[in-house]
Amino acid sequence: MGTEGAPAGLLEDFAIRGSGNHERIGILLVHGFTGSPSSMRPWAEFFAARGYSVRVPRLPGHATQWQDLNRVSWQEWPARIELELDELHKSCDHVFIFGLSMGGGTTLYVTAHHGDKVSGIVLVNPMIHMPGAKATLLPVMSRLKSHLASVGNDIKRPNVSEYGYDALPLKGLAQLGKFLKITRKTLDLVKVPMMLFH
């Protein structure tokens, strides 16, 4: 399923200020490649219901139309998360970043460069490399073709969708390949506590 038919507001940024004992603890949730904030919304609602300050940004090129992902540079993804991290620190003493798939790679990159602002990270199936020969051919492929068929909705639960793109934009994928290559070189700079689900 694509982004069509998503309930109003589900594809947009989500932010809620915490309350009670946890209001000064921030949770920053980062969605994956071709995904949308909707994939992180259940987590956001879980933490918000317990009083945490929560932010789920829509990464540049995502949750609009797949062609938009072919018009962004990889630097825009971590830059957006850095802005959200700074925003949370205006009202929070501690901020934890949770990343799903490419969001995990983005979390690692941001933490490597701003570890002093991150109290810990949680990674779910983090993407840090692109396997296969296609990865090396992406720059050439992206000049010849705009997109490939998407992997589709991989959520097993019936009637649940992550509302991502129905296409895999190749220029965006080439940017992702560059981003992950750079991110791998910074992994030794990640010094915060980490929980990994794979």
N, C-alpha and C. Protein backbone atom coordinates (compact mmCIF):
# COMPACT_ATOMS: atom_id res chain seq x y z
N MET A 1 0.84 -1.18 0.00
CA MET A 1 0.00 0.00 0.00
C MET A 1 0.88 1.24 0.00
N GLY A 2 0.53 2.24 -0.76
CA GLY A 2 1.28 3.48 -0.83
C GLY A 2 0.80 4.48 0.21
N THR A 3 1.08 5.74 -0.06
CA THR A 3 0.68 6.79 0.87
C THR A 3 -0.78 7.20 0.69
N GLU A 4 -1.39 6.77 -0.42
CA GLU A 4 -2.80 7.09 -0.66
C GLU A 4 -3.66 6.42 0.40
N GLY A 5 -4.68 7.12 0.81
CA GLY A 5 -5.62 6.54 1.75
C GLY A 5 -5.19 6.58 3.20
N ALA A 6 -4.05 7.19 3.48
CA ALA A 6 -3.61 7.30 4.87
C ALA A 6 -4.53 8.24 5.63
N PRO A 7 -4.90 7.90 6.85
CA PRO A 7 -5.73 8.81 7.64
C PRO A 7 -5.07 10.18 7.79
N ALA A 8 -5.88 11.21 7.88
CA ALA A 8 -5.38 12.58 7.97
C ALA A 8 -4.37 12.72 9.11
N GLY A 9 -3.24 13.35 8.79
CA GLY A 9 -2.21 13.62 9.79
C GLY A 9 -1.22 12.51 10.05
N LEU A 10 -1.51 11.31 9.57
CA LEU A 10 -0.66 10.17 9.88
C LEU A 10 0.69 10.22 9.17
N LEU A 11 0.76 10.93 8.05
CA LEU A 11 2.01 11.02 7.29
C LEU A 11 2.83 12.25 7.67
N GLU A 12 2.30 13.09 8.52
CA GLU A 12 2.96 14.35 8.90
C GLU A 12 3.78 14.18 10.17
N ASP A 13 4.57 15.22 10.46
CA ASP A 13 5.32 15.26 11.72
C ASP A 13 4.36 15.05 12.88
N PHE A 14 4.87 14.40 13.92
CA PHE A 14 4.09 14.21 15.14
C PHE A 14 4.95 14.69 16.29
N ALA A 15 4.39 15.52 17.15
CA ALA A 15 5.14 15.99 18.32
C ALA A 15 4.17 16.22 19.46
N ILE A 16 4.61 15.82 20.65
CA ILE A 16 3.79 16.05 21.83
C ILE A 16 4.73 16.32 23.01
N ARG A 17 4.39 17.31 23.78
CA ARG A 17 5.17 17.69 24.95
C ARG A 17 4.81 16.76 26.09
N GLY A 18 5.80 16.29 26.80
CA GLY A 18 5.58 15.37 27.90
C GLY A 18 4.94 16.03 29.11
N SER A 19 4.60 15.18 30.08
CA SER A 19 4.01 15.68 31.32
C SER A 19 4.38 14.73 32.45
N GLY A 20 4.28 15.22 33.66
CA GLY A 20 4.55 14.37 34.82
C GLY A 20 6.02 14.06 34.99
N ASN A 21 6.31 12.90 35.54
CA ASN A 21 7.68 12.51 35.89
C ASN A 21 8.61 12.37 34.69
N HIS A 22 8.07 12.14 33.50
CA HIS A 22 8.91 11.88 32.32
C HIS A 22 8.98 13.04 31.33
N GLU A 23 8.39 14.18 31.67
CA GLU A 23 8.29 15.27 30.69
C GLU A 23 9.64 15.80 30.23
N ARG A 24 10.71 15.63 31.01
CA ARG A 24 12.02 16.14 30.62
C ARG A 24 12.89 15.06 29.96
N ILE A 25 12.24 13.97 29.57
CA ILE A 25 12.91 12.91 28.81
C ILE A 25 12.30 12.91 27.41
N GLY A 26 13.16 13.08 26.42
CA GLY A 26 12.70 13.15 25.04
C GLY A 26 12.94 11.86 24.28
N ILE A 27 12.00 11.53 23.43
CA ILE A 27 12.10 10.37 22.56
C ILE A 27 11.96 10.87 21.12
N LEU A 28 12.99 10.63 20.32
CA LEU A 28 13.01 11.03 18.91
C LEU A 28 12.95 9.76 18.07
N LEU A 29 11.92 9.62 17.25
CA LEU A 29 11.69 8.41 16.47
C LEU A 29 11.93 8.69 14.99
N VAL A 30 12.73 7.82 14.34
CA VAL A 30 13.15 8.04 12.96
C VAL A 30 12.70 6.88 12.07
N HIS A 31 11.87 7.19 11.08
CA HIS A 31 11.33 6.16 10.19
C HIS A 31 12.35 5.74 9.13
N GLY A 32 11.99 4.75 8.34
CA GLY A 32 12.89 4.18 7.34
C GLY A 32 12.73 4.75 5.94
N PHE A 33 13.55 4.24 5.03
CA PHE A 33 13.58 4.68 3.64
C PHE A 33 12.28 4.33 2.93
N THR A 34 11.71 5.25 2.24
CA THR A 34 10.41 5.22 1.55
C THR A 34 9.23 5.14 2.52
N GLY A 35 9.51 5.17 3.81
CA GLY A 35 8.46 5.08 4.81
C GLY A 35 7.89 6.44 5.18
N SER A 36 7.24 6.48 6.32
CA SER A 36 6.60 7.71 6.78
C SER A 36 6.52 7.69 8.31
N PRO A 37 6.18 8.82 8.91
CA PRO A 37 6.01 8.84 10.36
C PRO A 37 4.97 7.84 10.87
N SER A 38 4.08 7.39 10.00
CA SER A 38 3.05 6.43 10.44
C SER A 38 3.66 5.14 10.98
N SER A 39 4.83 4.75 10.46
CA SER A 39 5.44 3.50 10.93
C SER A 39 5.94 3.62 12.37
N MET A 40 6.14 4.85 12.83
CA MET A 40 6.63 5.08 14.18
C MET A 40 5.52 5.56 15.12
N ARG A 41 4.35 5.79 14.58
CA ARG A 41 3.26 6.37 15.36
C ARG A 41 2.85 5.52 16.56
N PRO A 42 2.74 4.18 16.43
CA PRO A 42 2.38 3.40 17.62
C PRO A 42 3.40 3.56 18.76
N TRP A 43 4.68 3.63 18.41
CA TRP A 43 5.72 3.85 19.43
C TRP A 43 5.53 5.23 20.05
N ALA A 44 5.29 6.22 19.20
CA ALA A 44 5.13 7.60 19.68
C ALA A 44 3.96 7.68 20.66
N GLU A 45 2.86 7.06 20.31
CA GLU A 45 1.69 7.10 21.18
C GLU A 45 1.93 6.36 22.49
N PHE A 46 2.69 5.27 22.43
CA PHE A 46 3.04 4.52 23.64
C PHE A 46 3.81 5.41 24.61
N PHE A 47 4.85 6.07 24.12
CA PHE A 47 5.68 6.91 24.99
C PHE A 47 4.94 8.17 25.43
N ALA A 48 4.17 8.76 24.54
CA ALA A 48 3.42 9.96 24.89
C ALA A 48 2.41 9.67 26.00
N ALA A 49 1.77 8.50 25.94
CA ALA A 49 0.79 8.12 26.96
C ALA A 49 1.43 7.96 28.34
N ARG A 50 2.75 7.79 28.36
CA ARG A 50 3.47 7.63 29.62
C ARG A 50 4.19 8.91 30.05
N GLY A 51 3.90 10.00 29.35
CA GLY A 51 4.39 11.30 29.76
C GLY A 51 5.70 11.77 29.15
N TYR A 52 6.28 11.00 28.23
CA TYR A 52 7.53 11.41 27.60
C TYR A 52 7.26 12.47 26.53
N SER A 53 8.25 13.33 26.29
CA SER A 53 8.17 14.27 25.17
C SER A 53 8.60 13.51 23.92
N VAL A 54 7.79 13.55 22.88
CA VAL A 54 8.01 12.71 21.71
C VAL A 54 7.97 13.55 20.43
N ARG A 55 8.88 13.22 19.52
CA ARG A 55 8.87 13.85 18.19
C ARG A 55 9.11 12.78 17.13
N VAL A 56 8.31 12.81 16.07
CA VAL A 56 8.46 11.91 14.93
C VAL A 56 8.45 12.78 13.67
N PRO A 57 9.62 13.13 13.14
CA PRO A 57 9.65 13.96 11.95
C PRO A 57 9.46 13.15 10.66
N ARG A 58 8.95 13.83 9.66
CA ARG A 58 8.89 13.26 8.31
C ARG A 58 10.20 13.63 7.63
N LEU A 59 10.97 12.63 7.25
CA LEU A 59 12.25 12.88 6.61
C LEU A 59 12.05 13.49 5.22
N PRO A 60 12.95 14.38 4.80
CA PRO A 60 12.83 15.00 3.48
C PRO A 60 12.70 13.96 2.36
N GLY A 61 11.76 14.22 1.45
CA GLY A 61 11.52 13.32 0.32
C GLY A 61 10.56 12.19 0.62
N HIS A 62 10.07 12.11 1.83
CA HIS A 62 9.22 11.00 2.24
C HIS A 62 7.77 11.44 2.48
N ALA A 63 6.86 10.47 2.34
CA ALA A 63 5.44 10.63 2.68
C ALA A 63 4.74 11.70 1.84
N THR A 64 5.21 11.88 0.62
CA THR A 64 4.56 12.80 -0.32
C THR A 64 4.28 12.01 -1.60
N GLN A 65 5.20 12.08 -2.56
CA GLN A 65 5.15 11.23 -3.75
C GLN A 65 6.58 10.73 -3.99
N TRP A 66 6.71 9.53 -4.54
CA TRP A 66 8.02 8.89 -4.61
C TRP A 66 9.03 9.72 -5.40
N GLN A 67 8.58 10.51 -6.35
CA GLN A 67 9.48 11.33 -7.16
C GLN A 67 10.26 12.33 -6.29
N ASP A 68 9.66 12.74 -5.18
CA ASP A 68 10.34 13.69 -4.28
C ASP A 68 11.61 13.10 -3.68
N LEU A 69 11.64 11.80 -3.50
CA LEU A 69 12.83 11.16 -2.93
C LEU A 69 13.99 11.17 -3.91
N ASN A 70 13.70 11.33 -5.18
CA ASN A 70 14.76 11.45 -6.19
C ASN A 70 15.34 12.86 -6.26
N ARG A 71 14.80 13.78 -5.45
CA ARG A 71 15.27 15.16 -5.49
C ARG A 71 15.98 15.60 -4.21
N VAL A 72 16.26 14.69 -3.31
CA VAL A 72 16.92 15.08 -2.05
C VAL A 72 18.35 14.55 -2.01
N SER A 73 19.16 15.19 -1.19
CA SER A 73 20.52 14.70 -0.95
C SER A 73 20.54 14.03 0.42
N TRP A 74 21.45 13.11 0.60
CA TRP A 74 21.49 12.35 1.85
C TRP A 74 21.70 13.26 3.06
N GLN A 75 22.37 14.39 2.88
CA GLN A 75 22.65 15.28 4.00
C GLN A 75 21.37 15.84 4.64
N GLU A 76 20.29 15.87 3.87
CA GLU A 76 19.04 16.41 4.39
C GLU A 76 18.43 15.52 5.48
N TRP A 77 18.67 14.22 5.42
CA TRP A 77 18.07 13.32 6.42
C TRP A 77 18.67 13.53 7.81
N PRO A 78 20.00 13.43 7.97
CA PRO A 78 20.52 13.68 9.32
C PRO A 78 20.32 15.13 9.76
N ALA A 79 20.33 16.08 8.83
CA ALA A 79 20.11 17.48 9.20
C ALA A 79 18.74 17.65 9.85
N ARG A 80 17.74 16.96 9.32
CA ARG A 80 16.39 17.06 9.91
C ARG A 80 16.37 16.49 11.32
N ILE A 81 17.07 15.38 11.53
CA ILE A 81 17.10 14.76 12.86
C ILE A 81 17.88 15.64 13.83
N GLU A 82 18.94 16.27 13.38
CA GLU A 82 19.70 17.18 14.23
C GLU A 82 18.83 18.35 14.70
N LEU A 83 17.99 18.88 13.80
CA LEU A 83 17.06 19.95 14.19
C LEU A 83 16.09 19.48 15.26
N GLU A 84 15.56 18.27 15.08
CA GLU A 84 14.61 17.72 16.05
C GLU A 84 15.29 17.45 17.39
N LEU A 85 16.52 17.00 17.34
CA LEU A 85 17.29 16.75 18.57
C LEU A 85 17.46 18.06 19.34
N ASP A 86 17.82 19.12 18.64
CA ASP A 86 17.96 20.43 19.28
C ASP A 86 16.63 20.92 19.84
N GLU A 87 15.56 20.68 19.10
CA GLU A 87 14.23 21.10 19.56
C GLU A 87 13.85 20.38 20.86
N LEU A 88 14.11 19.09 20.94
CA LEU A 88 13.81 18.35 22.16
C LEU A 88 14.65 18.84 23.33
N HIS A 89 15.89 19.21 23.07
CA HIS A 89 16.77 19.66 24.16
C HIS A 89 16.34 21.01 24.74
N LYS A 90 15.45 21.71 24.08
CA LYS A 90 14.93 22.96 24.65
C LYS A 90 14.09 22.71 25.89
N SER A 91 13.51 21.51 25.98
CA SER A 91 12.65 21.20 27.13
C SER A 91 13.01 19.88 27.83
N CYS A 92 14.05 19.20 27.34
CA CYS A 92 14.39 17.88 27.90
C CYS A 92 15.84 17.84 28.38
N ASP A 93 16.07 17.11 29.46
CA ASP A 93 17.42 16.91 29.98
C ASP A 93 18.11 15.73 29.30
N HIS A 94 17.33 14.76 28.87
CA HIS A 94 17.85 13.56 28.23
C HIS A 94 17.03 13.28 26.97
N VAL A 95 17.72 12.87 25.89
CA VAL A 95 17.02 12.51 24.65
C VAL A 95 17.54 11.17 24.17
N PHE A 96 16.61 10.29 23.86
CA PHE A 96 16.91 8.98 23.30
C PHE A 96 16.38 8.95 21.86
N ILE A 97 17.17 8.37 20.96
CA ILE A 97 16.75 8.27 19.56
C ILE A 97 16.47 6.81 19.22
N PHE A 98 15.31 6.57 18.61
CA PHE A 98 14.92 5.25 18.14
C PHE A 98 14.89 5.29 16.62
N GLY A 99 15.56 4.34 15.96
CA GLY A 99 15.58 4.33 14.51
C GLY A 99 15.19 2.98 13.94
N LEU A 100 14.37 3.01 12.90
CA LEU A 100 13.90 1.81 12.21
C LEU A 100 14.53 1.76 10.83
N SER A 101 15.24 0.67 10.50
CA SER A 101 15.83 0.46 9.19
C SER A 101 16.77 1.61 8.83
N MET A 102 16.50 2.36 7.75
CA MET A 102 17.34 3.51 7.42
C MET A 102 17.34 4.51 8.57
N GLY A 103 16.26 4.58 9.30
CA GLY A 103 16.21 5.45 10.47
C GLY A 103 17.24 5.04 11.51
N GLY A 104 17.58 3.74 11.54
CA GLY A 104 18.65 3.27 12.42
C GLY A 104 20.00 3.77 11.95
N GLY A 105 20.22 3.73 10.63
CA GLY A 105 21.46 4.28 10.08
C GLY A 105 21.57 5.77 10.34
N THR A 106 20.47 6.47 10.20
CA THR A 106 20.45 7.91 10.46
C THR A 106 20.73 8.18 11.94
N THR A 107 20.15 7.36 12.80
CA THR A 107 20.39 7.48 14.24
C THR A 107 21.87 7.31 14.55
N LEU A 108 22.50 6.32 13.95
CA LEU A 108 23.94 6.10 14.18
C LEU A 108 24.77 7.28 13.70
N TYR A 109 24.45 7.81 12.54
CA TYR A 109 25.19 8.95 11.99
C TYR A 109 25.07 10.17 12.92
N VAL A 110 23.85 10.49 13.31
CA VAL A 110 23.62 11.66 14.17
C VAL A 110 24.31 11.46 15.52
N THR A 111 24.23 10.26 16.07
CA THR A 111 24.85 9.99 17.36
C THR A 111 26.37 10.08 17.26
N ALA A 112 26.94 9.62 16.17
CA ALA A 112 28.39 9.71 15.98
C ALA A 112 28.85 11.17 15.97
N HIS A 113 28.02 12.06 15.45
CA HIS A 113 28.41 13.47 15.34
C HIS A 113 27.91 14.34 16.49
N HIS A 114 26.93 13.86 17.24
CA HIS A 114 26.35 14.66 18.33
C HIS A 114 26.11 13.79 19.57
N GLY A 115 27.04 12.91 19.86
CA GLY A 115 26.87 11.99 20.98
C GLY A 115 26.66 12.67 22.32
N ASP A 116 27.16 13.90 22.46
CA ASP A 116 26.99 14.63 23.71
C ASP A 116 25.53 15.04 23.94
N LYS A 117 24.72 14.98 22.90
CA LYS A 117 23.31 15.36 23.01
C LYS A 117 22.38 14.15 23.09
N VAL A 118 22.94 12.94 22.99
CA VAL A 118 22.14 11.72 22.92
C VAL A 118 22.43 10.86 24.15
N SER A 119 21.38 10.52 24.90
CA SER A 119 21.55 9.70 26.11
C SER A 119 21.60 8.22 25.81
N GLY A 120 21.02 7.80 24.70
CA GLY A 120 21.02 6.40 24.31
C GLY A 120 20.26 6.23 23.02
N ILE A 121 20.46 5.08 22.38
CA ILE A 121 19.77 4.81 21.11
C ILE A 121 19.17 3.41 21.12
N VAL A 122 18.09 3.27 20.38
CA VAL A 122 17.44 1.97 20.17
C VAL A 122 17.32 1.79 18.66
N LEU A 123 17.88 0.69 18.17
CA LEU A 123 17.89 0.43 16.73
C LEU A 123 17.08 -0.83 16.43
N VAL A 124 16.19 -0.72 15.46
CA VAL A 124 15.39 -1.86 15.03
C VAL A 124 15.72 -2.14 13.56
N ASN A 125 16.31 -3.30 13.32
CA ASN A 125 16.76 -3.68 11.97
C ASN A 125 17.49 -2.52 11.29
N PRO A 126 18.54 -2.00 11.92
CA PRO A 126 19.21 -0.82 11.36
C PRO A 126 19.88 -1.12 10.03
N MET A 127 19.71 -0.23 9.09
CA MET A 127 20.35 -0.37 7.78
C MET A 127 21.68 0.37 7.83
N ILE A 128 22.78 -0.37 7.65
CA ILE A 128 24.09 0.28 7.61
C ILE A 128 24.86 -0.10 6.35
N HIS A 129 24.30 -0.97 5.54
CA HIS A 129 24.90 -1.28 4.24
C HIS A 129 23.81 -1.78 3.30
N MET A 130 24.12 -1.73 2.02
CA MET A 130 23.20 -2.23 1.01
C MET A 130 23.86 -3.44 0.35
N PRO A 131 23.35 -4.62 0.63
CA PRO A 131 23.98 -5.82 0.09
C PRO A 131 23.74 -5.98 -1.41
N GLY A 132 24.62 -6.72 -2.02
CA GLY A 132 24.43 -7.09 -3.42
C GLY A 132 25.15 -6.19 -4.40
N ALA A 133 25.26 -6.69 -5.61
CA ALA A 133 25.95 -5.97 -6.69
C ALA A 133 25.19 -4.73 -7.13
N LYS A 134 23.86 -4.74 -6.94
CA LYS A 134 23.06 -3.59 -7.37
C LYS A 134 23.52 -2.30 -6.70
N ALA A 135 23.98 -2.40 -5.47
CA ALA A 135 24.39 -1.20 -4.73
C ALA A 135 25.49 -0.45 -5.46
N THR A 136 26.44 -1.17 -6.02
CA THR A 136 27.54 -0.50 -6.73
C THR A 136 27.09 0.06 -8.07
N LEU A 137 26.01 -0.48 -8.61
CA LEU A 137 25.50 -0.02 -9.90
C LEU A 137 24.46 1.10 -9.79
N LEU A 138 24.07 1.44 -8.58
CA LEU A 138 23.00 2.42 -8.40
C LEU A 138 23.25 3.77 -9.07
N PRO A 139 24.45 4.34 -8.97
CA PRO A 139 24.65 5.63 -9.65
C PRO A 139 24.36 5.56 -11.15
N VAL A 140 24.75 4.48 -11.80
CA VAL A 140 24.49 4.32 -13.23
C VAL A 140 23.01 4.02 -13.48
N MET A 141 22.46 3.09 -12.70
CA MET A 141 21.05 2.73 -12.87
C MET A 141 20.13 3.93 -12.69
N SER A 142 20.48 4.82 -11.75
CA SER A 142 19.62 5.97 -11.47
C SER A 142 19.61 6.99 -12.60
N ARG A 143 20.59 6.90 -13.49
CA ARG A 143 20.59 7.79 -14.66
C ARG A 143 19.74 7.21 -15.80
N LEU A 144 19.52 5.91 -15.75
CA LEU A 144 18.79 5.23 -16.81
C LEU A 144 17.32 5.01 -16.50
N LYS A 145 17.02 4.91 -15.22
CA LYS A 145 15.66 4.58 -14.80
C LYS A 145 15.33 5.36 -13.53
N SER A 146 14.09 5.79 -13.40
CA SER A 146 13.72 6.61 -12.24
C SER A 146 13.42 5.80 -10.99
N HIS A 147 12.92 4.57 -11.17
CA HIS A 147 12.51 3.80 -10.00
C HIS A 147 12.40 2.30 -10.33
N LEU A 148 12.32 1.52 -9.29
CA LEU A 148 12.03 0.09 -9.38
C LEU A 148 10.76 -0.18 -8.58
N ALA A 149 10.24 -1.38 -8.69
CA ALA A 149 9.08 -1.75 -7.88
C ALA A 149 9.49 -1.80 -6.42
N SER A 150 8.60 -1.39 -5.56
CA SER A 150 8.87 -1.37 -4.13
C SER A 150 8.85 -2.77 -3.55
N VAL A 151 9.47 -2.91 -2.39
CA VAL A 151 9.39 -4.18 -1.66
C VAL A 151 8.00 -4.36 -1.07
N GLY A 152 7.24 -3.27 -1.01
CA GLY A 152 5.86 -3.35 -0.53
C GLY A 152 5.77 -3.30 0.98
N ASN A 153 4.56 -3.45 1.45
CA ASN A 153 4.28 -3.42 2.87
C ASN A 153 4.76 -4.73 3.49
N ASP A 154 5.68 -4.65 4.44
CA ASP A 154 6.21 -5.87 5.05
C ASP A 154 5.66 -6.13 6.45
N ILE A 155 4.55 -5.50 6.78
CA ILE A 155 3.93 -5.72 8.08
C ILE A 155 3.00 -6.92 7.96
N LYS A 156 3.20 -7.90 8.83
CA LYS A 156 2.41 -9.14 8.75
C LYS A 156 0.99 -8.99 9.28
N ARG A 157 0.78 -8.07 10.19
CA ARG A 157 -0.52 -7.92 10.81
C ARG A 157 -1.55 -7.50 9.75
N PRO A 158 -2.66 -8.21 9.64
CA PRO A 158 -3.68 -7.88 8.64
C PRO A 158 -4.23 -6.46 8.83
N ASN A 159 -4.52 -5.81 7.72
CA ASN A 159 -5.13 -4.48 7.70
C ASN A 159 -4.28 -3.38 8.33
N VAL A 160 -2.97 -3.61 8.44
CA VAL A 160 -2.07 -2.59 8.97
C VAL A 160 -1.08 -2.23 7.88
N SER A 161 -0.87 -0.93 7.69
CA SER A 161 0.06 -0.47 6.67
C SER A 161 1.01 0.56 7.26
N GLU A 162 2.21 0.62 6.70
CA GLU A 162 3.15 1.66 7.12
C GLU A 162 3.06 2.87 6.20
N TYR A 163 2.21 2.83 5.20
CA TYR A 163 1.99 3.94 4.29
C TYR A 163 3.30 4.48 3.74
N GLY A 164 4.00 3.64 3.01
CA GLY A 164 5.24 4.03 2.33
C GLY A 164 5.02 4.06 0.84
N TYR A 165 6.06 4.35 0.10
CA TYR A 165 5.95 4.45 -1.35
C TYR A 165 5.78 3.09 -2.01
N ASP A 166 5.05 3.09 -3.13
CA ASP A 166 4.87 1.89 -3.94
C ASP A 166 5.99 1.73 -4.97
N ALA A 167 6.96 2.63 -4.94
CA ALA A 167 8.09 2.59 -5.86
C ALA A 167 9.38 2.81 -5.07
N LEU A 168 10.46 2.34 -5.63
CA LEU A 168 11.78 2.50 -5.02
C LEU A 168 12.56 3.50 -5.89
N PRO A 169 12.60 4.77 -5.50
CA PRO A 169 13.25 5.81 -6.31
C PRO A 169 14.77 5.59 -6.38
N LEU A 170 15.31 5.45 -7.57
CA LEU A 170 16.71 5.06 -7.71
C LEU A 170 17.71 6.15 -7.36
N LYS A 171 17.41 7.41 -7.67
CA LYS A 171 18.33 8.48 -7.26
C LYS A 171 18.36 8.59 -5.74
N GLY A 172 17.21 8.45 -5.13
CA GLY A 172 17.14 8.45 -3.67
C GLY A 172 17.90 7.27 -3.09
N LEU A 173 17.77 6.12 -3.73
CA LEU A 173 18.48 4.93 -3.28
C LEU A 173 19.99 5.10 -3.43
N ALA A 174 20.43 5.76 -4.50
CA ALA A 174 21.86 6.04 -4.67
C ALA A 174 22.36 6.97 -3.57
N GLN A 175 21.54 7.95 -3.19
CA GLN A 175 21.90 8.83 -2.07
C GLN A 175 21.99 8.04 -0.77
N LEU A 176 21.08 7.10 -0.60
CA LEU A 176 21.11 6.25 0.59
C LEU A 176 22.40 5.44 0.62
N GLY A 177 22.81 4.91 -0.51
CA GLY A 177 24.07 4.16 -0.58
C GLY A 177 25.26 5.00 -0.14
N LYS A 178 25.33 6.24 -0.61
CA LYS A 178 26.41 7.15 -0.20
C LYS A 178 26.35 7.41 1.30
N PHE A 179 25.15 7.67 1.78
CA PHE A 179 24.95 7.97 3.20
C PHE A 179 25.41 6.81 4.09
N LEU A 180 25.03 5.60 3.73
CA LEU A 180 25.39 4.44 4.54
C LEU A 180 26.89 4.20 4.52
N LYS A 181 27.52 4.43 3.39
CA LYS A 181 28.98 4.27 3.29
C LYS A 181 29.69 5.23 4.23
N ILE A 182 29.23 6.47 4.26
CA ILE A 182 29.81 7.47 5.17
C ILE A 182 29.50 7.12 6.62
N THR A 183 28.29 6.66 6.88
CA THR A 183 27.89 6.30 8.24
C THR A 183 28.75 5.17 8.79
N ARG A 184 29.03 4.16 7.98
CA ARG A 184 29.86 3.03 8.44
C ARG A 184 31.22 3.51 8.93
N LYS A 185 31.76 4.54 8.31
CA LYS A 185 33.08 5.05 8.69
C LYS A 185 33.06 5.78 10.04
N THR A 186 31.88 6.09 10.54
CA THR A 186 31.78 6.83 11.81
C THR A 186 31.30 5.97 12.98
N LEU A 187 31.09 4.69 12.75
CA LEU A 187 30.51 3.84 13.79
C LEU A 187 31.34 3.80 15.07
N ASP A 188 32.66 3.90 14.94
CA ASP A 188 33.50 3.86 16.14
C ASP A 188 33.34 5.11 17.01
N LEU A 189 32.65 6.13 16.51
CA LEU A 189 32.41 7.35 17.28
C LEU A 189 31.15 7.25 18.13
N VAL A 190 30.37 6.19 17.94
CA VAL A 190 29.14 6.01 18.71
C VAL A 190 29.52 5.42 20.06
N LYS A 191 29.34 6.21 21.12
CA LYS A 191 29.77 5.81 22.47
C LYS A 191 28.64 5.76 23.48
N VAL A 192 27.41 5.92 23.05
CA VAL A 192 26.28 5.95 23.98
C VAL A 192 25.70 4.54 24.15
N PRO A 193 24.94 4.31 25.24
CA PRO A 193 24.27 3.02 25.39
C PRO A 193 23.34 2.75 24.20
N MET A 194 23.31 1.49 23.78
CA MET A 194 22.52 1.12 22.61
C MET A 194 21.77 -0.18 22.87
N MET A 195 20.53 -0.24 22.41
CA MET A 195 19.76 -1.48 22.40
C MET A 195 19.48 -1.80 20.94
N LEU A 196 19.76 -3.04 20.55
CA LEU A 196 19.64 -3.44 19.15
C LEU A 196 18.63 -4.57 19.01
N PHE A 197 17.66 -4.39 18.12
CA PHE A 197 16.71 -5.44 17.76
C PHE A 197 16.93 -5.76 16.29
N HIS A 198 17.24 -7.03 16.01
CA HIS A 198 17.50 -7.39 14.62
C HIS A 198 16.88 -8.73 14.30
